[in-house]
Amino acid sequence: MDVFEEYIPHTNKFVKDYLENGERAQSFFDYGQSSEDIKKRLYELSSRTYPKESLYKHLYKYNNKLKYNIGALRELDKLHDPNAVMMVTGQQAGILTGPFYTITKALTILKEAEAKEEMLGVPVLPVFWIAGEDHDWDEVNHIFLPDYDKPIKVTYKGEHDPGKPVSNQLLDEEAFDRWWREVMTVLPETNHTTDVYYSLQQLAGKSLTMTDFFAEVMRWLFKDTGLIMLDANHHDLRQMETDMFLELIHANNVVRDAVKQGIDNRKALDYETPEGLSDKSAQLFYHYHQKRQLLYKQSENTYTDKTGNLSIHENDLIKQASSHPENLSTNALTRPLIQEQLLPVLGYIAGPGEINYWSLLKPLFHRFGLYMPPLLPRMEITVVPRFVQSVMDKESLTVPQLLKSGAGSHIEQIRKHAKKVDGASMAEELLQEIEPYHANMQQEWGKIAPSERSYGETNWKIIQKEIYSFAEK
């Protein structure tokens, strides 16, 4: 297997500028990506306090229930060190990890945590933040598998409750077994197929929810590492976030103004607003009858959902945050704020989409007296299957060439040269030449077995179709 590194400029303008340390893009963040910035961040964290003992107890209990837990529990012991900090990343709980970049995120925090621990001389724990409160079922219920023509989507069809957080969606063992068998029929068989099949079946069997299964699979994949799993929607963790939710409610006008300022700051430097983000909502979800509802501040003291069917007074929302914080959750813009107050985040490993929306958050962090953590890009890995590499070799194509410009120009050249080939005439000539021989074969077989005459006619039609298809290719 060949492994090499190649820089491919990002297609998104803001992300490209950020990764290339452009001054305008860097101005949206408090820290850069350099070693000096990481050291400054460590110094900043040393002056702040975190609920490390409560975090240790919760994370130990959560990771201890996972089948492959030894590495995570050993890593968690480092949290007893008063100087311990964390390298953090996160993702929704996709079935079988979901997109491949979930794996590259985990690889990146493991690599960065190890490197920063060696550089700084303090414990740096790799923490994977599972966005268990996310309720977008269609984002987590499937995977895409490679095929010769195009990716094949394989969807898990177990029952689910629309609007309910993924951490509360039960994993249907029978539906999973059907889905897993379908996945196995698509994948080519290898020496590892049987072991993988039964390993995943066992993990599904001990998982109550989709998030449980995600955590089990991630620890199975990274069993030899110290990757620590955290479910953001866990009831016990929510109890530790009560004061943070109260802040978001009491200062909701400040939250919305800060988000608007972040959006305006991007526009002022000719960067578009990241897709799907708005300053109109309260940036907070309320779990009504276990269904997540994004709240909007309708008046000074009243919040509603988007339709207006749900209405809750601010005092009642405060009571919910105080006594049942599990009924609240953050959105993409307020989650980093709560994460910052809960965990000693030395750095956050972000994908391109996250780099974009984090760029809105500097005013929000500052309004709460906080600084944004350094944002480090996740690794981007392209895996080239053997059959694709074989085609590339025959066509004299390289991976860097395809990543930078795609195969479009090469295909266009083939089509251009193909016009010089009179495929139709060549096909007619070939068919005229072989038709008498095929007719003789049909006649001879017809003498022996008259019932086979129709088969001979069908066979000739197939031959014609294949030759014409090849001629038009």
Protein backbone atom coordinates (compact mmCIF):
# COMPACT_ATOMS: atom_id res chain seq x y z
CA MET A 1 0.00 0.00 0.00
CA ASP A 2 1.38 3.39 -1.02
CA VAL A 3 0.76 6.39 1.25
CA PHE A 4 1.69 9.93 0.30
CA GLU A 5 0.73 13.48 1.23
CA GLU A 6 -0.48 16.04 -1.28
CA TYR A 7 -1.83 19.55 -0.64
CA ILE A 8 -5.10 20.17 -2.50
CA PRO A 9 -6.45 23.75 -2.21
CA HIS A 10 -9.94 23.72 -0.72
CA THR A 11 -12.85 24.71 -2.93
CA ASN A 12 -14.53 26.79 -0.19
CA LYS A 13 -13.07 30.29 -0.17
CA PHE A 14 -13.08 30.80 3.61
CA VAL A 15 -11.71 27.35 4.44
CA LYS A 16 -8.96 27.76 1.83
CA ASP A 17 -7.96 31.12 3.33
CA TYR A 18 -7.98 29.70 6.86
CA LEU A 19 -5.89 26.64 6.02
CA GLU A 20 -3.38 28.86 4.22
CA ASN A 21 -3.21 31.16 7.29
CA GLY A 22 -4.77 34.07 5.44
CA GLU A 23 -4.87 37.16 7.63
CA ARG A 24 -8.55 37.91 6.96
CA ALA A 25 -9.72 34.39 7.80
CA GLN A 26 -7.48 34.19 10.89
CA SER A 27 -9.04 37.41 12.23
CA PHE A 28 -12.23 35.49 13.07
CA PHE A 29 -10.40 33.41 15.69
CA ASP A 30 -8.53 34.10 18.92
CA TYR A 31 -5.74 31.63 18.23
CA GLY A 32 -3.89 30.37 15.18
CA GLN A 33 -2.59 26.86 14.59
CA SER A 34 1.07 27.34 15.54
CA SER A 35 2.95 25.82 18.47
CA GLU A 36 3.16 29.26 20.07
CA ASP A 37 -0.62 29.62 19.89
CA ILE A 38 -1.06 26.21 21.54
CA LYS A 39 1.30 27.23 24.35
CA LYS A 40 -0.60 30.48 24.88
CA ARG A 41 -3.84 28.53 25.03
CA LEU A 42 -2.40 26.19 27.67
CA TYR A 43 -1.40 29.20 29.76
CA GLU A 44 -4.93 30.60 29.44
CA LEU A 45 -6.48 27.29 30.55
CA SER A 46 -4.21 27.17 33.61
CA SER A 47 -6.06 30.16 35.07
CA ARG A 48 -9.50 28.61 34.71
CA THR A 49 -11.34 25.94 36.67
CA TYR A 50 -13.30 22.94 35.38
CA PRO A 51 -15.40 20.20 37.06
CA LYS A 52 -12.64 17.65 36.45
CA GLU A 53 -13.60 15.32 39.29
CA SER A 54 -17.22 15.15 38.13
CA LEU A 55 -16.06 14.76 34.54
CA TYR A 56 -13.78 11.90 35.52
CA LYS A 57 -16.55 10.03 37.35
CA HIS A 58 -19.01 10.48 34.50
CA LEU A 59 -16.60 9.63 31.67
CA TYR A 60 -15.21 6.64 33.57
CA LYS A 61 -18.71 5.27 34.13
CA TYR A 62 -19.71 5.85 30.49
CA ASN A 63 -16.56 4.39 28.92
CA ASN A 64 -16.39 1.51 31.41
CA LYS A 65 -19.64 0.05 30.02
CA LEU A 66 -18.08 -0.24 26.54
CA LYS A 67 -16.68 -3.63 25.52
CA TYR A 68 -13.24 -2.35 24.49
CA ASN A 69 -12.69 0.11 27.32
CA ILE A 70 -9.19 -0.49 28.70
CA GLY A 71 -7.35 2.14 26.63
CA ALA A 72 -9.95 4.83 27.36
CA LEU A 73 -10.00 4.13 31.11
CA ARG A 74 -6.21 4.21 31.28
CA GLU A 75 -6.20 7.56 29.46
CA LEU A 76 -8.89 8.95 31.78
CA ASP A 77 -6.63 8.43 34.79
CA LYS A 78 -4.56 11.34 33.47
CA LEU A 79 -7.48 13.65 34.28
CA HIS A 80 -6.45 13.50 37.94
CA ASP A 81 -3.45 15.65 36.99
CA PRO A 82 -4.44 19.30 37.68
CA ASN A 83 -2.65 20.35 34.47
CA ALA A 84 -4.52 17.88 32.24
CA VAL A 85 -6.23 19.32 29.15
CA MET A 86 -8.15 17.84 26.22
CA MET A 87 -8.00 17.68 22.46
CA VAL A 88 -11.61 17.45 21.29
CA THR A 89 -13.55 16.61 18.15
CA GLY A 90 -17.13 15.54 17.51
CA GLN A 91 -19.65 14.04 15.13
CA GLN A 92 -23.20 12.67 14.96
CA ALA A 93 -23.71 9.02 15.87
CA GLY A 94 -23.91 7.61 12.35
CA ILE A 95 -24.53 3.89 12.01
CA LEU A 96 -21.21 2.06 11.59
CA THR A 97 -19.55 5.49 12.25
CA GLY A 98 -21.32 7.14 9.30
CA PRO A 99 -19.06 9.15 6.94
CA PHE A 100 -15.41 8.15 6.59
CA TYR A 101 -14.33 11.52 7.97
CA THR A 102 -15.59 10.38 11.38
CA ILE A 103 -12.59 8.04 11.37
CA THR A 104 -10.20 10.74 10.19
CA LYS A 105 -11.39 13.03 12.99
CA ALA A 106 -10.58 10.35 15.56
CA LEU A 107 -7.20 9.71 13.94
CA THR A 108 -6.43 13.43 14.05
CA ILE A 109 -7.22 13.98 17.75
CA LEU A 110 -5.18 10.91 18.68
CA LYS A 111 -2.24 12.18 16.66
CA GLU A 112 -2.58 15.77 17.91
CA ALA A 113 -3.09 14.76 21.55
CA GLU A 114 0.08 12.67 21.48
CA ALA A 115 2.10 15.42 19.76
CA LYS A 116 0.85 18.19 22.07
CA GLU A 117 1.44 16.09 25.18
CA GLU A 118 5.05 15.57 24.14
CA MET A 119 5.49 19.26 23.25
CA LEU A 120 3.88 20.72 26.39
CA GLY A 121 4.81 18.14 29.02
CA VAL A 122 1.23 17.93 30.36
CA PRO A 123 -1.45 15.24 29.87
CA VAL A 124 -3.54 15.83 26.74
CA LEU A 125 -6.60 13.55 26.56
CA PRO A 126 -8.29 12.76 23.20
CA VAL A 127 -12.06 13.19 23.65
CA PHE A 128 -14.66 12.34 21.01
CA TRP A 129 -17.84 14.38 21.59
CA ILE A 130 -20.81 12.37 20.23
CA ALA A 131 -23.59 14.76 19.20
CA GLY A 132 -26.19 12.42 20.68
CA GLU A 133 -28.81 15.17 20.92
CA ASP A 134 -28.94 15.48 17.13
CA HIS A 135 -32.33 14.41 15.78
CA ASP A 136 -31.70 14.30 12.03
CA TRP A 137 -32.43 10.61 11.47
CA ASP A 138 -31.70 10.72 7.75
CA GLU A 139 -28.12 11.78 8.49
CA VAL A 140 -27.30 8.78 10.69
CA ASN A 141 -29.33 5.83 9.35
CA HIS A 142 -27.21 4.83 6.35
CA ILE A 143 -23.77 4.34 4.89
CA PHE A 144 -22.44 4.52 1.34
CA LEU A 145 -20.36 1.63 0.04
CA PRO A 146 -18.03 1.81 -2.97
CA ASP A 147 -19.01 0.11 -6.22
CA TYR A 148 -17.67 0.09 -9.77
CA ASP A 149 -20.26 2.52 -11.11
CA LYS A 150 -21.34 4.71 -8.17
CA PRO A 151 -21.62 4.49 -4.37
CA ILE A 152 -24.36 2.23 -3.05
CA LYS A 153 -26.52 3.61 -0.24
CA VAL A 154 -27.48 0.99 2.36
CA THR A 155 -30.13 2.27 4.79
CA TYR A 156 -30.95 0.84 8.20
CA LYS A 157 -34.75 0.43 8.30
CA GLY A 158 -35.36 -0.03 12.00
CA GLU A 159 -38.24 1.82 13.62
CA HIS A 160 -37.51 5.32 14.87
CA ASP A 161 -39.36 8.16 16.52
CA PRO A 162 -39.09 11.32 14.35
CA GLY A 163 -37.69 14.34 16.17
CA LYS A 164 -36.26 12.34 19.05
CA PRO A 165 -32.49 12.65 19.76
CA VAL A 166 -30.40 9.84 18.30
CA SER A 167 -29.25 8.93 21.83
CA ASN A 168 -32.87 8.04 22.57
CA GLN A 169 -33.47 6.07 19.37
CA LEU A 170 -33.49 2.37 20.21
CA LEU A 171 -31.41 0.02 18.06
CA ASP A 172 -33.68 -2.70 16.66
CA GLU A 173 -31.55 -5.85 16.76
CA GLU A 174 -33.55 -7.70 14.09
CA ALA A 175 -33.58 -4.69 11.75
CA PHE A 176 -29.87 -4.24 12.33
CA ASP A 177 -29.22 -7.90 11.49
CA ARG A 178 -31.08 -7.51 8.17
CA TRP A 179 -29.17 -4.31 7.43
CA TRP A 180 -25.83 -5.86 8.35
CA ARG A 181 -26.46 -8.86 6.09
CA GLU A 182 -27.25 -6.47 3.23
CA VAL A 183 -23.98 -4.62 3.86
CA MET A 184 -22.08 -7.90 3.78
CA THR A 185 -23.59 -8.83 0.40
CA VAL A 186 -22.30 -5.58 -1.11
CA LEU A 187 -18.78 -5.77 0.32
CA PRO A 188 -16.27 -8.13 -1.31
CA GLU A 189 -15.31 -11.06 0.91
CA THR A 190 -11.85 -11.01 2.50
CA ASN A 191 -9.96 -13.02 5.12
CA HIS A 192 -11.45 -10.69 7.77
CA THR A 193 -15.11 -10.82 6.70
CA THR A 194 -16.28 -13.48 9.17
CA ASP A 195 -14.52 -11.88 12.16
CA VAL A 196 -15.86 -8.42 11.30
CA TYR A 197 -19.38 -9.76 10.78
CA TYR A 198 -19.61 -11.45 14.18
CA SER A 199 -17.75 -8.67 16.03
CA LEU A 200 -20.25 -6.05 14.86
CA GLN A 201 -23.19 -8.35 15.59
CA GLN A 202 -21.97 -8.74 19.18
CA LEU A 203 -21.57 -4.98 19.63
CA ALA A 204 -25.06 -4.35 18.26
CA GLY A 205 -26.44 -7.00 20.61
CA LYS A 206 -25.14 -5.16 23.68
CA SER A 207 -26.20 -1.69 22.45
CA LEU A 208 -29.52 -0.26 23.57
CA THR A 209 -29.47 2.86 21.37
CA MET A 210 -27.90 4.12 18.15
CA THR A 211 -25.44 6.21 20.16
CA ASP A 212 -24.46 3.22 22.28
CA PHE A 213 -23.66 1.30 19.10
CA PHE A 214 -21.66 4.21 17.69
CA ALA A 215 -19.55 4.42 20.85
CA GLU A 216 -19.01 0.64 20.86
CA VAL A 217 -17.89 0.61 17.22
CA MET A 218 -15.52 3.54 17.69
CA ARG A 219 -13.87 1.92 20.70
CA TRP A 220 -13.66 -1.39 18.78
CA LEU A 221 -11.92 0.35 15.89
CA PHE A 222 -9.57 2.23 18.23
CA LYS A 223 -9.25 -0.43 20.93
CA ASP A 224 -5.47 0.01 21.12
CA THR A 225 -5.70 3.76 21.76
CA GLY A 226 -6.84 6.08 24.53
CA LEU A 227 -9.80 7.53 22.60
CA ILE A 228 -12.39 8.68 25.16
CA MET A 229 -16.07 8.70 24.18
CA LEU A 230 -18.54 11.32 25.46
CA ASP A 231 -22.29 11.36 24.72
CA ALA A 232 -23.39 15.00 24.75
CA ASN A 233 -27.01 13.99 25.38
CA HIS A 234 -26.29 11.81 28.41
CA HIS A 235 -28.59 12.59 31.35
CA ASP A 236 -25.74 12.80 33.87
CA LEU A 237 -23.70 15.15 31.70
CA ARG A 238 -26.70 17.44 31.26
CA GLN A 239 -26.89 17.89 35.04
CA MET A 240 -23.39 19.38 34.90
CA GLU A 241 -24.57 21.92 32.30
CA THR A 242 -27.46 23.45 34.27
CA ASP A 243 -25.75 26.79 34.94
CA MET A 244 -24.67 27.04 31.31
CA PHE A 245 -28.23 26.58 30.04
CA LEU A 246 -29.44 29.20 32.51
CA GLU A 247 -26.87 31.62 31.12
CA LEU A 248 -28.05 31.00 27.57
CA ILE A 249 -31.64 31.73 28.62
CA HIS A 250 -30.98 34.79 30.81
CA ALA A 251 -28.67 36.32 28.20
CA ASN A 252 -30.49 35.15 25.09
CA ASN A 253 -30.67 38.63 23.61
CA VAL A 254 -26.89 38.81 23.96
CA VAL A 255 -26.53 35.39 22.31
CA ARG A 256 -28.63 36.36 19.30
CA ASP A 257 -26.91 39.75 18.93
CA ALA A 258 -23.48 38.11 19.08
CA VAL A 259 -24.40 35.56 16.40
CA LYS A 260 -25.72 38.37 14.19
CA GLN A 261 -22.47 40.26 14.69
CA GLY A 262 -20.51 37.16 13.69
CA ILE A 263 -22.54 36.85 10.48
CA ASP A 264 -22.12 40.56 9.73
CA ASN A 265 -18.36 40.33 10.31
CA ARG A 266 -18.09 37.62 7.66
CA LYS A 267 -20.19 39.58 5.19
CA ALA A 268 -18.00 42.66 5.75
CA LEU A 269 -15.01 40.67 4.49
CA ASP A 270 -16.94 39.19 1.54
CA TYR A 271 -17.44 35.74 3.04
CA GLU A 272 -20.85 34.12 2.66
CA THR A 273 -22.88 32.99 5.68
CA PRO A 274 -22.43 29.24 6.23
CA GLU A 275 -25.41 27.31 4.89
CA GLY A 276 -28.17 26.42 7.35
CA LEU A 277 -27.19 28.96 10.03
CA SER A 278 -29.28 31.93 11.10
CA ASP A 279 -29.37 34.63 13.78
CA LYS A 280 -33.17 34.44 14.04
CA SER A 281 -33.49 31.56 16.51
CA ALA A 282 -32.68 31.47 20.23
CA GLN A 283 -29.85 29.02 19.34
CA LEU A 284 -31.40 26.59 21.83
CA PHE A 285 -33.55 23.44 21.59
CA TYR A 286 -36.33 22.45 23.96
CA HIS A 287 -37.23 18.75 24.16
CA TYR A 288 -41.03 18.74 24.20
CA HIS A 289 -42.47 15.24 24.66
CA GLN A 290 -38.94 13.99 23.82
CA LYS A 291 -39.00 15.79 20.43
CA ARG A 292 -36.39 18.48 19.82
CA GLN A 293 -37.90 21.87 18.99
CA LEU A 294 -35.70 24.81 17.97
CA LEU A 295 -36.82 27.84 19.99
CA TYR A 296 -37.43 31.38 18.76
CA LYS A 297 -37.79 34.33 21.10
CA GLN A 298 -41.22 35.67 20.21
CA SER A 299 -41.36 38.44 22.83
CA GLU A 300 -39.38 39.57 25.86
CA ASN A 301 -40.59 36.63 27.95
CA THR A 302 -41.94 34.07 25.48
CA TYR A 303 -40.33 31.40 23.32
CA THR A 304 -42.06 29.44 20.56
CA ASP A 305 -41.14 26.80 18.02
CA LYS A 306 -40.99 27.68 14.31
CA THR A 307 -44.68 26.90 13.74
CA GLY A 308 -45.92 28.72 16.84
CA ASN A 309 -47.69 25.57 18.08
CA LEU A 310 -45.37 25.35 21.08
CA SER A 311 -45.14 28.32 23.43
CA ILE A 312 -43.22 28.47 26.69
CA HIS A 313 -42.70 31.37 29.09
CA GLU A 314 -39.12 32.24 29.97
CA ASN A 315 -39.76 31.51 33.65
CA ASP A 316 -40.92 28.00 32.77
CA LEU A 317 -37.88 27.51 30.57
CA ILE A 318 -35.67 28.57 33.48
CA LYS A 319 -37.43 26.04 35.72
CA GLN A 320 -36.79 23.33 33.13
CA ALA A 321 -33.10 24.25 32.94
CA SER A 322 -32.84 24.18 36.73
CA SER A 323 -34.65 20.91 37.41
CA HIS A 324 -34.57 19.04 34.08
CA PRO A 325 -31.59 20.23 32.01
CA GLU A 326 -31.90 17.03 29.96
CA ASN A 327 -34.90 18.72 28.31
CA LEU A 328 -32.61 21.31 26.72
CA SER A 329 -29.84 21.07 24.15
CA THR A 330 -27.66 23.39 22.13
CA ASN A 331 -27.42 23.91 18.39
CA ALA A 332 -24.29 24.06 16.23
CA LEU A 333 -23.48 27.62 17.38
CA THR A 334 -24.01 27.29 21.14
CA ARG A 335 -22.56 23.78 21.50
CA PRO A 336 -18.96 25.11 21.29
CA LEU A 337 -19.76 27.61 24.05
CA ILE A 338 -21.02 24.92 26.46
CA GLN A 339 -18.15 22.66 25.47
CA GLU A 340 -15.71 25.45 26.31
CA GLN A 341 -17.18 25.90 29.80
CA LEU A 342 -17.36 22.17 30.52
CA LEU A 343 -14.04 20.85 29.17
CA PRO A 344 -10.44 22.16 29.25
CA VAL A 345 -10.24 22.30 25.45
CA LEU A 346 -6.65 22.76 24.32
CA GLY A 347 -7.77 22.58 20.70
CA TYR A 348 -10.72 21.49 18.59
CA ILE A 349 -10.30 19.30 15.51
CA ALA A 350 -12.66 20.62 12.85
CA GLY A 351 -13.82 19.66 9.38
CA PRO A 352 -14.39 22.27 6.65
CA GLY A 353 -18.03 22.86 7.62
CA GLU A 354 -17.10 23.38 11.26
CA ILE A 355 -14.30 25.80 10.37
CA ASN A 356 -16.94 27.83 8.55
CA TYR A 357 -19.50 28.06 11.33
CA TRP A 358 -16.94 28.44 14.13
CA SER A 359 -15.85 31.62 12.35
CA LEU A 360 -19.11 33.23 13.54
CA LEU A 361 -18.44 32.57 17.22
CA LYS A 362 -15.76 35.04 18.30
CA PRO A 363 -18.29 37.74 19.38
CA LEU A 364 -20.34 35.09 21.23
CA PHE A 365 -17.35 33.74 23.15
CA HIS A 366 -16.20 37.26 24.05
CA ARG A 367 -19.65 38.29 25.33
CA PHE A 368 -19.35 35.44 27.84
CA GLY A 369 -15.79 36.39 28.80
CA LEU A 370 -14.23 33.43 26.97
CA TYR A 371 -11.68 32.88 24.21
CA MET A 372 -12.13 30.48 21.33
CA PRO A 373 -9.84 27.43 21.39
CA PRO A 374 -7.36 26.90 18.54
CA LEU A 375 -9.13 25.27 15.61
CA LEU A 376 -7.02 22.58 13.94
CA PRO A 377 -8.11 20.97 10.64
CA ARG A 378 -8.87 17.27 10.56
CA MET A 379 -6.89 15.09 8.22
CA GLU A 380 -8.46 14.55 4.82
CA ILE A 381 -7.77 11.07 3.48
CA THR A 382 -8.60 9.63 0.07
CA VAL A 383 -8.54 5.84 -0.20
CA VAL A 384 -8.01 4.47 -3.71
CA PRO A 385 -9.37 0.90 -4.13
CA ARG A 386 -7.25 -1.60 -6.06
CA PHE A 387 -9.63 -1.80 -9.02
CA VAL A 388 -9.59 2.01 -9.36
CA GLN A 389 -5.80 2.07 -9.14
CA SER A 390 -5.66 -0.57 -11.87
CA VAL A 391 -7.74 1.61 -14.22
CA MET A 392 -5.63 4.67 -13.35
CA ASP A 393 -2.41 2.81 -14.14
CA LYS A 394 -3.73 1.71 -17.53
CA GLU A 395 -4.88 5.27 -18.32
CA SER A 396 -1.61 6.81 -17.01
CA LEU A 397 -3.49 8.87 -14.40
CA THR A 398 -2.12 9.86 -10.97
CA VAL A 399 -3.94 10.43 -7.69
CA PRO A 400 -2.77 14.08 -7.33
CA GLN A 401 -3.94 14.76 -10.88
CA LEU A 402 -7.41 13.36 -10.18
CA LEU A 403 -7.75 15.09 -6.80
CA LYS A 404 -6.81 18.47 -8.24
CA SER A 405 -8.72 18.44 -11.52
CA GLY A 406 -10.82 15.28 -11.60
CA ALA A 407 -11.13 12.90 -14.53
CA GLY A 408 -13.25 15.25 -16.64
CA SER A 409 -10.50 16.45 -18.98
CA HIS A 410 -9.21 12.91 -19.51
CA ILE A 411 -12.71 11.62 -20.33
CA GLU A 412 -13.21 14.55 -22.72
CA GLN A 413 -10.00 13.60 -24.53
CA ILE A 414 -11.22 10.02 -24.89
CA ARG A 415 -14.52 11.24 -26.33
CA LYS A 416 -12.70 13.57 -28.71
CA HIS A 417 -10.52 10.77 -30.07
CA ALA A 418 -13.49 8.38 -30.13
CA LYS A 419 -15.13 10.57 -32.78
CA LYS A 420 -12.34 9.53 -35.14
CA VAL A 421 -13.38 5.89 -34.76
CA ASP A 422 -16.27 4.88 -37.05
CA GLY A 423 -17.63 2.36 -34.58
CA ALA A 424 -20.97 1.90 -36.34
CA SER A 425 -19.40 0.89 -39.65
CA MET A 426 -16.93 -1.42 -37.95
CA ALA A 427 -19.77 -3.07 -36.02
CA GLU A 428 -21.80 -3.63 -39.20
CA GLU A 429 -18.78 -5.09 -40.95
CA LEU A 430 -18.06 -7.44 -38.06
CA LEU A 431 -21.68 -8.62 -37.78
CA GLN A 432 -21.90 -9.27 -41.52
CA GLU A 433 -18.76 -11.37 -41.28
CA ILE A 434 -19.86 -13.56 -38.37
CA GLU A 435 -23.59 -13.79 -39.14
CA PRO A 436 -23.25 -16.75 -41.59
CA TYR A 437 -21.22 -18.73 -39.05
CA HIS A 438 -23.78 -18.07 -36.32
CA ALA A 439 -26.64 -19.03 -38.68
CA ASN A 440 -24.91 -22.34 -39.45
CA MET A 441 -24.54 -23.01 -35.71
CA GLN A 442 -28.24 -22.31 -35.19
CA GLN A 443 -29.15 -24.67 -38.04
CA GLU A 444 -26.97 -27.53 -36.80
CA TRP A 445 -28.21 -27.23 -33.22
CA GLY A 446 -31.77 -27.03 -34.55
CA LYS A 447 -31.38 -30.40 -36.23
CA ILE A 448 -30.26 -32.02 -32.99
CA ALA A 449 -32.62 -30.14 -30.65
CA PRO A 450 -35.41 -28.19 -32.42
CA SER A 451 -36.38 -26.57 -29.11
CA GLU A 452 -33.02 -24.75 -29.08
CA ARG A 453 -33.78 -22.69 -32.22
CA SER A 454 -35.31 -19.87 -30.14
CA TYR A 455 -32.23 -19.86 -27.91
CA GLY A 456 -30.02 -19.37 -30.99
CA GLU A 457 -32.12 -16.40 -32.12
CA THR A 458 -31.95 -14.86 -28.66
CA ASN A 459 -28.20 -15.41 -28.54
CA TRP A 460 -27.74 -13.60 -31.87
CA LYS A 461 -29.71 -10.60 -30.58
CA ILE A 462 -27.47 -10.47 -27.51
CA ILE A 463 -24.34 -10.58 -29.67
CA GLN A 464 -25.66 -7.73 -31.82
CA LYS A 465 -26.50 -5.65 -28.75
CA GLU A 466 -23.07 -6.16 -27.18
CA ILE A 467 -21.19 -5.32 -30.38
CA TYR A 468 -23.23 -2.16 -31.00
CA SER A 469 -22.77 -1.16 -27.36
CA PHE A 470 -19.00 -1.59 -27.65
CA ALA A 471 -18.99 0.36 -30.93
CA GLU A 472 -20.77 3.32 -29.29
CA LYS A 473 -18.67 3.33 -26.10
